[in-house]
Protein backbone atom coordinates (compact mmCIF):
# COMPACT_ATOMS: atom_id res chain seq x y z
CA MET A 1 -11.44 -5.15 -7.92
CA LYS A 2 -11.03 -6.36 -4.46
CA LEU A 3 -7.97 -6.08 -2.44
CA SER A 4 -6.97 -8.57 -0.05
CA THR A 5 -5.98 -8.29 3.61
CA LYS A 6 -2.45 -7.95 2.35
CA GLY A 7 -3.10 -4.42 0.62
CA ARG A 8 -5.49 -3.43 3.33
CA TYR A 9 -3.42 -4.14 6.41
CA GLY A 10 -0.21 -3.21 4.52
CA LEU A 11 -1.53 0.13 3.74
CA ARG A 12 -2.70 0.77 7.40
CA ALA A 13 0.62 -0.51 8.62
CA LEU A 14 2.71 1.82 6.25
CA ILE A 15 0.85 4.90 7.50
CA ASP A 16 1.33 3.81 10.74
CA LEU A 17 4.92 3.76 10.25
CA ALA A 18 5.14 6.91 8.30
CA LEU A 19 3.30 8.52 11.21
CA TYR A 20 5.49 7.02 14.04
CA SER A 21 8.93 6.91 12.40
CA GLU A 22 9.58 10.60 11.80
CA LYS A 23 11.48 10.56 15.08
CA GLU A 24 12.85 7.18 15.84
CA THR A 25 12.43 3.64 14.45
CA VAL A 26 9.18 1.37 14.76
CA SER A 27 8.86 -2.00 15.96
CA ILE A 28 6.59 -4.39 14.10
CA GLY A 29 4.94 -5.09 17.69
CA SER A 30 3.92 -1.33 18.01
CA ILE A 31 2.53 -1.43 14.61
CA ALA A 32 0.47 -4.56 15.23
CA ALA A 33 -0.83 -3.46 18.57
CA ARG A 34 -2.09 -0.14 17.20
CA GLN A 35 -3.55 -1.52 14.21
CA ASN A 36 -4.69 -4.82 15.63
CA ILE A 37 -2.87 -6.90 13.00
CA SER A 38 -1.09 -10.12 13.85
CA GLU A 39 2.80 -9.81 14.26
CA SER A 40 3.68 -12.70 11.97
CA TYR A 41 0.98 -11.44 9.45
CA LEU A 42 2.83 -8.17 9.90
CA GLU A 43 6.06 -9.32 9.15
CA GLN A 44 5.43 -11.01 5.98
CA LEU A 45 3.87 -7.66 4.73
CA ILE A 46 6.74 -5.84 6.11
CA ALA A 47 9.27 -8.21 4.15
CA LYS A 48 7.32 -7.47 0.77
CA LEU A 49 7.63 -3.99 1.35
CA ARG A 50 11.16 -3.95 2.08
CA LYS A 51 11.97 -5.86 -0.93
CA ALA A 52 9.88 -3.31 -2.87
CA GLY A 53 12.40 -0.61 -1.45
CA LEU A 54 9.56 1.07 0.43
CA VAL A 55 10.82 0.16 4.05
CA SER A 56 14.23 0.16 5.72
CA SER A 57 15.19 -2.14 8.80
CA VAL A 58 17.47 -0.84 11.19
CA ARG A 59 19.47 -3.62 13.25
CA GLY A 60 20.57 -3.33 16.86
CA ALA A 61 19.39 -1.62 20.05
CA GLY A 62 16.27 0.82 19.12
CA GLY A 63 15.98 -0.84 15.95
CA GLY A 64 12.99 -1.58 14.00
CA TYR A 65 11.71 0.13 10.61
CA VAL A 66 11.49 3.58 8.95
CA LEU A 67 10.14 4.63 5.49
CA ALA A 68 12.90 3.91 2.82
CA LYS A 69 12.02 7.23 1.15
CA PRO A 70 10.10 10.18 2.01
CA ALA A 71 5.99 9.51 2.35
CA GLU A 72 5.63 12.35 -0.70
CA GLU A 73 7.30 9.88 -2.67
CA ILE A 74 5.56 6.57 -2.07
CA SER A 75 2.05 6.11 -3.85
CA VAL A 76 -0.87 4.09 -2.72
CA GLY A 77 -0.06 2.37 -5.98
CA ASP A 78 3.46 1.72 -5.09
CA ILE A 79 2.16 -0.04 -1.84
CA LEU A 80 -0.67 -2.17 -3.30
CA ARG A 81 1.29 -3.19 -6.04
CA ALA A 82 4.04 -4.34 -3.79
CA LEU A 83 1.52 -6.43 -1.78
CA GLU A 84 -1.05 -7.28 -4.35
CA GLY A 85 0.64 -7.42 -7.84
CA SER A 86 -0.93 -5.97 -10.76
CA LEU A 87 -4.16 -3.96 -9.73
CA ASP A 88 -5.70 -4.32 -13.18
CA PRO A 89 -9.43 -5.71 -12.45
CA VAL A 90 -9.41 -7.11 -15.89
CA GLN A 91 -6.37 -9.29 -17.27
CA CYS A 92 -7.07 -8.75 -21.25
CA PRO A 93 -4.25 -10.41 -23.36
CA GLY A 94 -5.33 -8.02 -26.18
CA LEU A 95 -4.00 -5.06 -24.28
CA LYS A 96 -0.64 -6.85 -24.27
CA GLU A 97 1.97 -6.60 -27.04
CA GLU A 98 1.35 -10.33 -27.95
CA GLY A 99 -2.28 -9.73 -27.73
CA CYS A 100 -4.98 -12.63 -28.76
CA SER A 101 -6.00 -13.86 -31.52
CA GLY A 102 -9.14 -11.74 -31.75
CA SER A 103 -7.47 -8.40 -30.30
CA ASP A 104 -7.96 -6.69 -33.77
CA ALA A 105 -11.58 -6.87 -34.09
CA CYS A 106 -12.11 -6.57 -30.24
CA VAL A 107 -13.68 -3.51 -29.10
CA THR A 108 -14.19 -4.24 -25.29
CA LYS A 109 -10.25 -4.04 -24.93
CA TYR A 110 -10.82 -0.41 -24.86
CA VAL A 111 -13.13 -0.62 -21.84
CA TRP A 112 -10.95 -2.70 -20.07
CA LYS A 113 -8.04 -0.39 -20.71
CA ARG A 114 -9.78 2.51 -19.49
CA ILE A 115 -10.83 0.88 -16.58
CA ASN A 116 -7.23 -0.12 -15.58
CA ASP A 117 -5.82 3.03 -16.36
CA SER A 118 -8.35 4.87 -14.21
CA ILE A 119 -7.54 2.56 -11.13
CA ASN A 120 -3.88 2.87 -11.49
CA GLN A 121 -3.82 6.28 -12.19
CA THR A 122 -6.06 6.93 -8.88
CA VAL A 123 -3.93 5.00 -6.75
CA ASP A 124 -0.74 6.56 -8.04
CA GLU A 125 -1.92 10.05 -7.61
CA ILE A 126 -2.46 9.62 -3.54
CA LYS A 127 0.61 9.90 -1.81
CA LEU A 128 1.29 8.42 1.67
CA SER A 129 1.95 11.94 2.82
CA GLN A 130 -1.58 12.87 2.35
CA LEU A 131 -2.97 9.62 4.12
CA VAL A 132 -0.66 10.58 7.16
CA GLU A 133 -1.98 14.11 7.04
CA GLU A 134 -5.52 12.92 6.82
CA SER A 135 -4.56 10.60 9.71
CA ARG A 136 -3.22 13.35 11.91
CA GLU A 137 -6.36 15.37 11.35
CA VAL A 138 -8.58 12.36 12.43
CA ARG A 139 -6.43 11.67 15.45
CA ASP A 140 -6.73 15.35 16.52
CA VAL A 141 -10.63 15.03 16.16
CA VAL A 142 -11.18 11.52 17.70
CA PRO A 143 -7.89 10.97 19.73
CA SER A 144 -9.07 7.47 20.58
CA VAL A 145 -8.52 6.21 16.95
CA GLY A 146 -6.17 3.58 16.48
CA SER A 147 -7.34 1.58 13.54
CA CYS A 148 -10.10 2.90 11.01
CA CYS A 149 -11.84 -0.46 10.51
CA SER A 150 -11.26 -4.19 10.96
CA ASN A 151 -10.34 -4.20 7.35
């Protein structure tokens, strides 16, 4: 499975938003500057995250963005699915109700199911709050760190 820049940048942006929105709203411009992401691209990502109910906007003076629910309730899986769609690396029709013509005799579908389930379980177990805490620890050790990488 390979994530696009939507998933990678969106996850970084949401970690940043969670870090900085605890006391006030956060502008797209400030996230973009800290994470070295284009503002126009970030606007597209934030729109998808809003539609998924992960981010809320606040209008007016001092407006910006905040998390729509606590970071403890948002999983990495929620974020990635909002931006990327399905995370299943193998789209096997035999795993769906409608199946495929060879589904009854196909044993590889069990391999694909385990791979898909494993990926989904892993990203669903990692909460945004955990990544925020990790980010704080890294920032305390290396204060000049803004973005972890160019990904």
